[in-house]
């Protein structure tokens, strides 16, 4: 595990301290969990953005439509 040192604004440090006490977690574990959740959400946002941009891509739309035709044929069989 790597050591990371940082500074936080006083108000954020106070909120972190209070939440860590309330959850009975060490502050570093609370930060780790929060950072994992945040980074997962950033990744999901990137996927959403890429999917939305693909709606304007005629080639992607054509591939998807071809796939749907094959899918419906399989359903009929």
PDB file of N, CA and C in Angstrom:
ATOM      1  N   UNK A   1       0.847  -1.168   0.000  1.00  0.00           N
ATOM      2  CA  UNK A   1       0.000   0.000   0.000  1.00  0.00           C
ATOM      3  C   UNK A   1       0.899   1.239   0.000  1.00  0.00           C
ATOM      4  N   UNK A   2       0.519   2.225  -0.763  1.00  0.00           N
ATOM      5  CA  UNK A   2       1.287   3.452  -0.889  1.00  0.00           C
ATOM      6  C   UNK A   2       0.792   4.494   0.106  1.00  0.00           C
ATOM      7  N   UNK A   3       1.703   5.258   0.645  1.00  0.00           N
ATOM      8  CA  UNK A   3       1.352   6.354   1.550  1.00  0.00           C
ATOM      9  C   UNK A   3       1.118   7.614   0.736  1.00  0.00           C
ATOM     10  N   UNK A   4       0.068   8.325   1.084  1.00  0.00           N
ATOM     11  CA  UNK A   4      -0.306   9.561   0.396  1.00  0.00           C
ATOM     12  C   UNK A   4      -0.531  10.635   1.452  1.00  0.00           C
ATOM     13  N   UNK A   5       0.089  11.781   1.265  1.00  0.00           N
ATOM     14  CA  UNK A   5      -0.070  12.893   2.204  1.00  0.00           C
ATOM     15  C   UNK A   5      -0.716  14.059   1.468  1.00  0.00           C
ATOM     16  N   UNK A   6      -1.698  14.682   2.109  1.00  0.00           N
ATOM     17  CA  UNK A   6      -2.406  15.792   1.477  1.00  0.00           C
ATOM     18  C   UNK A   6      -2.875  16.769   2.543  1.00  0.00           C
ATOM     19  N   UNK A   7      -3.349  17.901   2.085  1.00  0.00           N
ATOM     20  CA  UNK A   7      -3.968  18.872   2.987  1.00  0.00           C
ATOM     21  C   UNK A   7      -5.429  19.029   2.592  1.00  0.00           C
ATOM     22  N   UNK A   8      -6.251  19.357   3.561  1.00  0.00           N
ATOM     23  CA  UNK A   8      -7.681  19.572   3.337  1.00  0.00           C
ATOM     24  C   UNK A   8      -8.088  20.884   3.984  1.00  0.00           C
ATOM     25  N   UNK A   9      -9.093  21.540   3.423  1.00  0.00           N
ATOM     26  CA  UNK A   9      -9.634  22.730   4.101  1.00  0.00           C
ATOM     27  C   UNK A   9     -10.176  22.331   5.479  1.00  0.00           C
ATOM     28  N   UNK A  10     -10.102  23.257   6.409  1.00  0.00           N
ATOM     29  CA  UNK A  10     -10.516  22.965   7.786  1.00  0.00           C
ATOM     30  C   UNK A  10     -11.943  22.451   7.875  1.00  0.00           C
ATOM     31  N   UNK A  11     -12.860  23.055   7.124  1.00  0.00           N
ATOM     32  CA  UNK A  11     -14.258  22.627   7.211  1.00  0.00           C
ATOM     33  C   UNK A  11     -14.430  21.196   6.700  1.00  0.00           C
ATOM     34  N   UNK A  12     -13.707  20.835   5.649  1.00  0.00           N
ATOM     35  CA  UNK A  12     -13.792  19.483   5.117  1.00  0.00           C
ATOM     36  C   UNK A  12     -13.178  18.482   6.098  1.00  0.00           C
ATOM     37  N   UNK A  13     -12.110  18.864   6.726  1.00  0.00           N
ATOM     38  CA  UNK A  13     -11.472  17.998   7.727  1.00  0.00           C
ATOM     39  C   UNK A  13     -12.402  17.768   8.905  1.00  0.00           C
ATOM     40  N   UNK A  14     -13.113  18.807   9.299  1.00  0.00           N
ATOM     41  CA  UNK A  14     -14.072  18.665  10.410  1.00  0.00           C
ATOM     42  C   UNK A  14     -15.210  17.714  10.026  1.00  0.00           C
ATOM     43  N   UNK A  15     -15.725  17.868   8.809  1.00  0.00           N
ATOM     44  CA  UNK A  15     -16.796  16.964   8.348  1.00  0.00           C
ATOM     45  C   UNK A  15     -16.284  15.528   8.283  1.00  0.00           C
ATOM     46  N   UNK A  16     -15.072  15.350   7.792  1.00  0.00           N
ATOM     47  CA  UNK A  16     -14.472  14.017   7.724  1.00  0.00           C
ATOM     48  C   UNK A  16     -14.335  13.414   9.116  1.00  0.00           C
ATOM     49  N   UNK A  17     -13.863  14.197  10.041  1.00  0.00           N
ATOM     50  CA  UNK A  17     -13.688  13.724  11.417  1.00  0.00           C
ATOM     51  C   UNK A  17     -15.021  13.299  12.014  1.00  0.00           C
ATOM     52  N   UNK A  18     -16.036  14.127  11.842  1.00  0.00           N
ATOM     53  CA  UNK A  18     -17.360  13.818  12.399  1.00  0.00           C
ATOM     54  C   UNK A  18     -17.951  12.555  11.782  1.00  0.00           C
ATOM     55  N   UNK A  19     -17.855  12.421  10.461  1.00  0.00           N
ATOM     56  CA  UNK A  19     -18.409  11.231   9.792  1.00  0.00           C
ATOM     57  C   UNK A  19     -17.640   9.981  10.189  1.00  0.00           C
ATOM     58  N   UNK A  20     -16.327  10.093  10.277  1.00  0.00           N
ATOM     59  CA  UNK A  20     -15.517   8.938  10.671  1.00  0.00           C
ATOM     60  C   UNK A  20     -15.893   8.472  12.073  1.00  0.00           C
ATOM     61  N   UNK A  21     -16.102   9.419  12.965  1.00  0.00           N
ATOM     62  CA  UNK A  21     -16.532   9.059  14.323  1.00  0.00           C
ATOM     63  C   UNK A  21     -17.911   8.419  14.315  1.00  0.00           C
ATOM     64  N   UNK A  22     -18.822   9.005  13.558  1.00  0.00           N
ATOM     65  CA  UNK A  22     -20.191   8.480  13.507  1.00  0.00           C
ATOM     66  C   UNK A  22     -20.225   7.069  12.917  1.00  0.00           C
ATOM     67  N   UNK A  23     -19.394   6.823  11.920  1.00  0.00           N
ATOM     68  CA  UNK A  23     -19.366   5.509  11.262  1.00  0.00           C
ATOM     69  C   UNK A  23     -18.384   4.547  11.926  1.00  0.00           C
ATOM     70  N   UNK A  24     -17.662   5.033  12.908  1.00  0.00           N
ATOM     71  CA  UNK A  24     -16.658   4.238  13.621  1.00  0.00           C
ATOM     72  C   UNK A  24     -15.640   3.654  12.640  1.00  0.00           C
ATOM     73  N   UNK A  25     -15.175   4.526  11.735  1.00  0.00           N
ATOM     74  CA  UNK A  25     -14.163   4.159  10.748  1.00  0.00           C
ATOM     75  C   UNK A  25     -12.965   5.081  10.889  1.00  0.00           C
ATOM     76  N   UNK A  26     -11.779   4.568  10.614  1.00  0.00           N
ATOM     77  CA  UNK A  26     -10.634   5.481  10.546  1.00  0.00           C
ATOM     78  C   UNK A  26     -10.824   6.438   9.367  1.00  0.00           C
ATOM     79  N   UNK A  27     -10.322   7.636   9.491  1.00  0.00           N
ATOM     80  CA  UNK A  27     -10.494   8.632   8.424  1.00  0.00           C
ATOM     81  C   UNK A  27      -9.924   8.158   7.095  1.00  0.00           C
ATOM     82  N   UNK A  28      -8.790   7.485   7.144  1.00  0.00           N
ATOM     83  CA  UNK A  28      -8.205   7.031   5.879  1.00  0.00           C
ATOM     84  C   UNK A  28      -9.096   6.008   5.175  1.00  0.00           C
ATOM     85  N   UNK A  29      -9.790   5.158   5.928  1.00  0.00           N
ATOM     86  CA  UNK A  29     -10.707   4.180   5.314  1.00  0.00           C
ATOM     87  C   UNK A  29     -11.921   4.881   4.716  1.00  0.00           C
ATOM     88  N   UNK A  30     -12.423   5.902   5.401  1.00  0.00           N
ATOM     89  CA  UNK A  30     -13.551   6.663   4.880  1.00  0.00           C
ATOM     90  C   UNK A  30     -13.158   7.383   3.589  1.00  0.00           C
ATOM     91  N   UNK A  31     -11.974   7.966   3.564  1.00  0.00           N
ATOM     92  CA  UNK A  31     -11.484   8.632   2.354  1.00  0.00           C
ATOM     93  C   UNK A  31     -11.330   7.614   1.227  1.00  0.00           C
ATOM     94  N   UNK A  32     -10.781   6.445   1.538  1.00  0.00           N
ATOM     95  CA  UNK A  32     -10.593   5.399   0.528  1.00  0.00           C
ATOM     96  C   UNK A  32     -11.929   4.978  -0.079  1.00  0.00           C
ATOM     97  N   UNK A  33     -12.923   4.740   0.768  1.00  0.00           N
ATOM     98  CA  UNK A  33     -14.237   4.336   0.263  1.00  0.00           C
ATOM     99  C   UNK A  33     -14.864   5.436  -0.584  1.00  0.00           C
ATOM    100  N   UNK A  34     -14.780   6.670  -0.111  1.00  0.00           N
ATOM    101  CA  UNK A  34     -15.358   7.797  -0.841  1.00  0.00           C
ATOM    102  C   UNK A  34     -14.669   7.990  -2.186  1.00  0.00           C
ATOM    103  N   UNK A  35     -13.360   7.839  -2.211  1.00  0.00           N
ATOM    104  CA  UNK A  35     -12.615   8.009  -3.455  1.00  0.00           C
ATOM    105  C   UNK A  35     -12.957   6.906  -4.445  1.00  0.00           C
ATOM    106  N   UNK A  36     -13.105   5.675  -3.977  1.00  0.00           N
ATOM    107  CA  UNK A  36     -13.502   4.573  -4.874  1.00  0.00           C
ATOM    108  C   UNK A  36     -14.873   4.851  -5.499  1.00  0.00           C
ATOM    109  N   UNK A  37     -15.813   5.289  -4.673  1.00  0.00           N
ATOM    110  CA  UNK A  37     -17.154   5.594  -5.182  1.00  0.00           C
ATOM    111  C   UNK A  37     -17.085   6.715  -6.212  1.00  0.00           C
ATOM    112  N   UNK A  38     -16.338   7.758  -5.910  1.00  0.00           N
ATOM    113  CA  UNK A  38     -16.219   8.900  -6.809  1.00  0.00           C
ATOM    114  C   UNK A  38     -15.582   8.496  -8.136  1.00  0.00           C
ATOM    115  N   UNK A  39     -14.498   7.723  -8.070  1.00  0.00           N
ATOM    116  CA  UNK A  39     -13.827   7.302  -9.302  1.00  0.00           C
ATOM    117  C   UNK A  39     -14.706   6.371 -10.131  1.00  0.00           C
ATOM    118  N   UNK A  40     -15.493   5.515  -9.481  1.00  0.00           N
ATOM    119  CA  UNK A  40     -16.454   4.666 -10.204  1.00  0.00           C
ATOM    120  C   UNK A  40     -17.498   5.518 -10.923  1.00  0.00           C
ATOM    121  N   UNK A  41     -17.963   6.562 -10.259  1.00  0.00           N
ATOM    122  CA  UNK A  41     -18.953   7.442 -10.880  1.00  0.00           C
ATOM    123  C   UNK A  41     -18.368   8.197 -12.066  1.00  0.00           C
ATOM    124  N   UNK A  42     -17.105   8.591 -11.974  1.00  0.00           N
ATOM    125  CA  UNK A  42     -16.449   9.242 -13.112  1.00  0.00           C
ATOM    126  C   UNK A  42     -16.359   8.290 -14.304  1.00  0.00           C
ATOM    127  N   UNK A  43     -16.028   7.033 -14.029  1.00  0.00           N
ATOM    128  CA  UNK A  43     -15.954   6.030 -15.095  1.00  0.00           C
ATOM    129  C   UNK A  43     -17.324   5.833 -15.740  1.00  0.00           C
ATOM    130  N   UNK A  44     -18.359   5.739 -14.924  1.00  0.00           N
ATOM    131  CA  UNK A  44     -19.721   5.587 -15.462  1.00  0.00           C
ATOM    132  C   UNK A  44     -20.105   6.795 -16.302  1.00  0.00           C
ATOM    133  N   UNK A  45     -19.729   7.985 -15.854  1.00  0.00           N
ATOM    134  CA  UNK A  45     -20.041   9.206 -16.608  1.00  0.00           C
ATOM    135  C   UNK A  45     -19.334   9.193 -17.964  1.00  0.00           C
ATOM    136  N   UNK A  46     -18.116   8.661 -18.004  1.00  0.00           N
ATOM    137  CA  UNK A  46     -17.397   8.550 -19.279  1.00  0.00           C
ATOM    138  C   UNK A  46     -18.121   7.602 -20.228  1.00  0.00           C
ATOM    139  N   UNK A  47     -18.611   6.478 -19.701  1.00  0.00           N
ATOM    140  CA  UNK A  47     -19.367   5.532 -20.528  1.00  0.00           C
ATOM    141  C   UNK A  47     -20.633   6.183 -21.068  1.00  0.00           C
ATOM    142  N   UNK A  48     -21.334   6.876 -20.212  1.00  0.00           N
ATOM    143  CA  UNK A  48     -22.578   7.535 -20.634  1.00  0.00           C
ATOM    144  C   UNK A  48     -22.285   8.544 -21.733  1.00  0.00           C
ATOM    145  N   UNK A  49     -21.224   9.317 -21.549  1.00  0.00           N
ATOM    146  CA  UNK A  49     -20.854  10.308 -22.554  1.00  0.00           C
ATOM    147  C   UNK A  49     -20.520   9.640 -23.886  1.00  0.00           C
ATOM    148  N   UNK A  50     -19.785   8.531 -23.837  1.00  0.00           N
ATOM    149  CA  UNK A  50     -19.424   7.849 -25.084  1.00  0.00           C
ATOM    150  C   UNK A  50     -20.656   7.249 -25.754  1.00  0.00           C
ATOM    151  N   UNK A  51     -21.595   6.713 -24.976  1.00  0.00           N
ATOM    152  CA  UNK A  51     -22.823   6.167 -25.562  1.00  0.00           C
ATOM    153  C   UNK A  51     -23.664   7.267 -26.192  1.00  0.00           C
ATOM    154  N   UNK A  52     -23.740   8.402 -25.512  1.00  0.00           N
ATOM    155  CA  UNK A  52     -24.513   9.512 -26.065  1.00  0.00           C
ATOM    156  C   UNK A  52     -23.895  10.027 -27.355  1.00  0.00           C
ATOM    157  N   UNK A  53     -22.562  10.081 -27.398  1.00  0.00           N
ATOM    158  CA  UNK A  53     -21.915  10.564 -28.620  1.00  0.00           C
ATOM    159  C   UNK A  53     -22.077   9.568 -29.761  1.00  0.00           C
ATOM    160  N   UNK A  54     -22.247   8.295 -29.429  1.00  0.00           N
ATOM    161  CA  UNK A  54     -22.418   7.296 -30.488  1.00  0.00           C
ATOM    162  C   UNK A  54     -23.795   7.392 -31.152  1.00  0.00           C
ATOM    163  N   UNK A  55     -24.733   8.073 -30.521  1.00  0.00           N
ATOM    164  CA  UNK A  55     -26.055   8.215 -31.142  1.00  0.00           C
ATOM    165  C   UNK A  55     -25.999   9.100 -32.381  1.00  0.00           C
ATOM    166  N   UNK A  56     -24.960   9.909 -32.501  1.00  0.00           N
ATOM    167  CA  UNK A  56     -24.794  10.758 -33.688  1.00  0.00           C
ATOM    168  C   UNK A  56     -23.912  10.103 -34.740  1.00  0.00           C
ATOM    169  N   UNK A  57     -23.455   8.874 -34.475  1.00  0.00           N
ATOM    170  CA  UNK A  57     -22.553   8.173 -35.383  1.00  0.00           C
ATOM    171  C   UNK A  57     -23.365   7.214 -36.257  1.00  0.00           C
ATOM    172  N   UNK A  58     -23.473   7.536 -37.544  1.00  0.00           N
ATOM    173  CA  UNK A  58     -24.282   6.717 -38.455  1.00  0.00           C
ATOM    174  C   UNK A  58     -23.743   5.291 -38.586  1.00  0.00           C
ATOM    175  N   UNK A  59     -22.432   5.129 -38.521  1.00  0.00           N
ATOM    176  CA  UNK A  59     -21.846   3.786 -38.644  1.00  0.00           C
ATOM    177  C   UNK A  59     -22.232   2.910 -37.453  1.00  0.00           C
ATOM    178  N   UNK A  60     -22.167   3.473 -36.261  1.00  0.00           N
ATOM    179  CA  UNK A  60     -22.555   2.731 -35.056  1.00  0.00           C
ATOM    180  C   UNK A  60     -24.033   2.378 -35.121  1.00  0.00           C
ATOM    181  N   UNK A  61     -24.856   3.310 -35.557  1.00  0.00           N
ATOM    182  CA  UNK A  61     -26.288   3.062 -35.684  1.00  0.00           C
ATOM    183  C   UNK A  61     -26.557   1.926 -36.663  1.00  0.00           C
ATOM    184  N   UNK A  62     -25.855   1.915 -37.776  1.00  0.00           N
ATOM    185  CA  UNK A  62     -26.013   0.860 -38.779  1.00  0.00           C
ATOM    186  C   UNK A  62     -25.639  -0.501 -38.208  1.00  0.00           C
ATOM    187  N   UNK A  63     -24.531  -0.557 -37.475  1.00  0.00           N
ATOM    188  CA  UNK A  63     -24.107  -1.820 -36.852  1.00  0.00           C
ATOM    189  C   UNK A  63     -25.157  -2.303 -35.854  1.00  0.00           C
ATOM    190  N   UNK A  64     -25.679  -1.389 -35.065  1.00  0.00           N
ATOM    191  CA  UNK A  64     -26.699  -1.755 -34.079  1.00  0.00           C
ATOM    192  C   UNK A  64     -27.955  -2.269 -34.761  1.00  0.00           C
ATOM    193  N   UNK A  65     -28.367  -1.635 -35.845  1.00  0.00           N
ATOM    194  CA  UNK A  65     -29.561  -2.068 -36.565  1.00  0.00           C
ATOM    195  C   UNK A  65     -29.367  -3.451 -37.171  1.00  0.00           C
ATOM    196  N   UNK A  66     -28.171  -3.702 -37.720  1.00  0.00           N
ATOM    197  CA  UNK A  66     -27.885  -5.028 -38.264  1.00  0.00           C
ATOM    198  C   UNK A  66     -27.963  -6.084 -37.169  1.00  0.00           C
ATOM    199  N   UNK A  67     -27.454  -5.753 -36.020  1.00  0.00           N
ATOM    200  CA  UNK A  67     -27.506  -6.680 -34.891  1.00  0.00           C
ATOM    201  C   UNK A  67     -28.936  -6.958 -34.457  1.00  0.00           C
ATOM    202  N   UNK A  68     -29.791  -5.964 -34.514  1.00  0.00           N
ATOM    203  CA  UNK A  68     -31.191  -6.157 -34.126  1.00  0.00           C
ATOM    204  C   UNK A  68     -31.898  -7.071 -35.118  1.00  0.00           C
ATOM    205  N   UNK A  69     -31.575  -6.947 -36.409  1.00  0.00           N
ATOM    206  CA  UNK A  69     -32.178  -7.824 -37.422  1.00  0.00           C
ATOM    207  C   UNK A  69     -31.813  -9.269 -37.118  1.00  0.00           C
ATOM    208  N   UNK A  70     -30.535  -9.512 -36.842  1.00  0.00           N
ATOM    209  CA  UNK A  70     -30.099 -10.871 -36.487  1.00  0.00           C
ATOM    210  C   UNK A  70     -30.791 -11.364 -35.227  1.00  0.00           C
ATOM    211  N   UNK A  71     -30.929 -10.491 -34.251  1.00  0.00           N
ATOM    212  CA  UNK A  71     -31.582 -10.859 -32.996  1.00  0.00           C
ATOM    213  C   UNK A  71     -33.026 -11.264 -33.232  1.00  0.00           C
ATOM    214  N   UNK A  72     -33.759 -10.503 -34.027  1.00  0.00           N
ATOM    215  CA  UNK A  72     -35.159 -10.827 -34.295  1.00  0.00           C
ATOM    216  C   UNK A  72     -35.281 -12.129 -35.069  1.00  0.00           C
ATOM    217  N   UNK A  73     -34.340 -12.414 -35.962  1.00  0.00           N
ATOM    218  CA  UNK A  73     -34.356 -13.685 -36.688  1.00  0.00           C
ATOM    219  C   UNK A  73     -34.183 -14.853 -35.729  1.00  0.00           C
ATOM    220  N   UNK A  74     -33.304 -14.685 -34.753  1.00  0.00           N
ATOM    221  CA  UNK A  74     -33.100 -15.737 -33.760  1.00  0.00           C
ATOM    222  C   UNK A  74     -34.351 -15.965 -32.928  1.00  0.00           C
ATOM    223  N   UNK A  75     -35.063 -14.898 -32.627  1.00  0.00           N
ATOM    224  CA  UNK A  75     -36.293 -15.020 -31.851  1.00  0.00           C
ATOM    225  C   UNK A  75     -37.368 -15.774 -32.623  1.00  0.00           C
ATOM    226  N   UNK A  76     -37.404 -15.548 -33.916  1.00  0.00           N
ATOM    227  CA  UNK A  76     -38.405 -16.198 -34.752  1.00  0.00           C
ATOM    228  C   UNK A  76     -38.153 -17.694 -34.893  1.00  0.00           C
ATOM    229  N   UNK A  77     -36.881 -18.100 -34.850  1.00  0.00           N
ATOM    230  CA  UNK A  77     -36.519 -19.514 -35.028  1.00  0.00           C
ATOM    231  C   UNK A  77     -36.778 -20.328 -33.813  1.00  0.00           C
TER     232      UNK A  77
END
